């Protein structure tokens, strides 16, 4: 929202590399409400938001990735994205859900 306030005509780019709110062993490293707070902030912005997966997206990171402008969600060839669509499918259209599946270059 700060970037939109500074220059509302510029696009916002969000680079994502996150394994979500828990480590592989199940130990929590964040709260689910943080992912929803980012998503809510993105939905309030009028500026065009582009999202880019540069490593991994899992859990709520996938939610943030899918919240980018339609057709402006990008992956680098070696990224990994894990499906969150079955849990929060009410938030996305079909195109956004499809972007949350594993991709390998």
Protein backbone atom coordinates (compact mmCIF):
# COMPACT_ATOMS: atom_id res chain seq x y z
CA UNK A 1 0.00 0.00 0.00
CA UNK A 2 3.00 2.25 0.59
CA UNK A 3 4.17 1.73 -3.00
CA UNK A 4 0.71 2.62 -4.28
CA UNK A 5 0.73 5.76 -2.14
CA UNK A 6 4.17 6.78 -3.47
CA UNK A 7 3.22 6.34 -7.14
CA UNK A 8 -0.21 4.99 -8.02
CA UNK A 9 0.66 4.69 -11.72
CA UNK A 10 3.55 2.23 -11.18
CA UNK A 11 2.90 -1.51 -11.06
CA UNK A 12 3.73 -3.40 -7.87
CA UNK A 13 5.89 -6.54 -8.17
CA UNK A 14 5.89 -9.16 -5.42
CA UNK A 15 8.64 -11.80 -5.51
CA UNK A 16 7.73 -14.91 -3.53
CA UNK A 17 9.95 -17.62 -2.06
CA UNK A 18 8.15 -19.09 0.93
CA UNK A 19 7.45 -22.56 2.24
CA UNK A 20 4.41 -21.35 4.16
CA UNK A 21 3.77 -21.12 7.88
CA UNK A 22 5.38 -24.42 8.93
CA UNK A 23 8.71 -26.15 8.46
CA UNK A 24 8.97 -29.66 7.01
CA UNK A 25 8.90 -31.11 10.54
CA UNK A 26 5.61 -29.31 11.29
CA UNK A 27 7.13 -26.65 13.56
CA UNK A 28 5.21 -23.37 13.04
CA UNK A 29 7.26 -20.43 11.76
CA UNK A 30 4.41 -18.01 11.12
CA UNK A 31 0.71 -17.47 11.59
CA UNK A 32 -1.96 -18.10 8.97
CA UNK A 33 -3.45 -14.67 9.64
CA UNK A 34 -0.30 -13.07 8.19
CA UNK A 35 -0.98 -14.61 4.77
CA UNK A 36 -4.56 -13.37 4.83
CA UNK A 37 -3.38 -9.89 5.87
CA UNK A 38 -1.13 -9.72 2.80
CA UNK A 39 -3.95 -11.03 0.58
CA UNK A 40 -6.40 -8.45 1.99
CA UNK A 41 -3.91 -5.62 1.41
CA UNK A 42 -3.43 -6.76 -2.20
CA UNK A 43 -7.19 -6.82 -2.79
CA UNK A 44 -7.58 -3.25 -1.50
CA UNK A 45 -4.96 -1.82 -3.84
CA UNK A 46 -6.01 -0.24 -7.13
CA UNK A 47 -2.49 -0.53 -8.53
CA UNK A 48 -1.80 -3.51 -10.81
CA UNK A 49 0.00 -6.23 -8.84
CA UNK A 50 2.30 -8.74 -10.54
CA UNK A 51 3.44 -11.80 -8.58
CA UNK A 52 6.53 -13.89 -9.34
CA UNK A 53 7.50 -17.22 -7.80
CA UNK A 54 11.30 -17.35 -7.57
CA UNK A 55 11.73 -20.47 -5.45
CA UNK A 56 8.89 -22.16 -3.60
CA UNK A 57 5.33 -21.29 -2.72
CA UNK A 58 3.35 -23.33 -0.25
CA UNK A 59 0.43 -22.67 2.03
CA UNK A 60 -0.50 -19.02 2.19
CA UNK A 61 2.36 -18.06 -0.12
CA UNK A 62 0.32 -19.77 -2.84
CA UNK A 63 -2.65 -17.60 -1.87
CA UNK A 64 -0.53 -14.46 -2.30
CA UNK A 65 0.87 -15.76 -5.61
CA UNK A 66 -2.62 -16.41 -7.00
CA UNK A 67 -3.85 -12.98 -5.85
CA UNK A 68 -1.73 -11.21 -8.48
CA UNK A 69 -3.37 -9.68 -11.53
CA UNK A 70 -4.83 -12.23 -13.92
CA UNK A 71 -2.21 -13.37 -16.45
CA UNK A 72 0.52 -11.56 -14.49
CA UNK A 73 1.52 -14.43 -12.21
CA UNK A 74 4.90 -15.73 -13.32
CA UNK A 75 7.22 -18.59 -12.39
CA UNK A 76 10.94 -19.04 -12.89
CA UNK A 77 11.68 -22.42 -14.54
CA UNK A 78 12.91 -24.17 -11.36
CA UNK A 79 10.13 -23.10 -8.99
CA UNK A 80 7.99 -25.37 -6.83
CA UNK A 81 4.41 -24.47 -5.97
CA UNK A 82 2.17 -26.58 -3.74
CA UNK A 83 -1.60 -26.60 -4.07
CA UNK A 84 -3.64 -24.66 -1.52
CA UNK A 85 -6.65 -24.42 -3.81
CA UNK A 86 -8.60 -27.25 -2.22
CA UNK A 87 -8.64 -25.44 1.13
CA UNK A 88 -9.38 -21.91 -0.05
CA UNK A 89 -11.03 -22.47 -3.43
CA UNK A 90 -13.76 -19.93 -2.63
CA UNK A 91 -11.19 -17.13 -3.05
CA UNK A 92 -10.05 -17.84 -6.62
CA UNK A 93 -11.36 -18.33 -10.10
CA UNK A 94 -10.37 -21.45 -12.07
CA UNK A 95 -7.36 -19.78 -13.71
CA UNK A 96 -5.88 -18.82 -10.35
CA UNK A 97 -6.41 -22.31 -8.97
CA UNK A 98 -4.57 -23.83 -11.93
CA UNK A 99 -1.52 -21.63 -11.29
CA UNK A 100 -1.01 -23.28 -7.88
CA UNK A 101 0.18 -26.64 -9.13
CA UNK A 102 3.75 -27.90 -9.21
CA UNK A 103 5.92 -26.63 -12.05
CA UNK A 104 9.41 -27.69 -12.97
CA UNK A 105 11.61 -26.26 -15.73
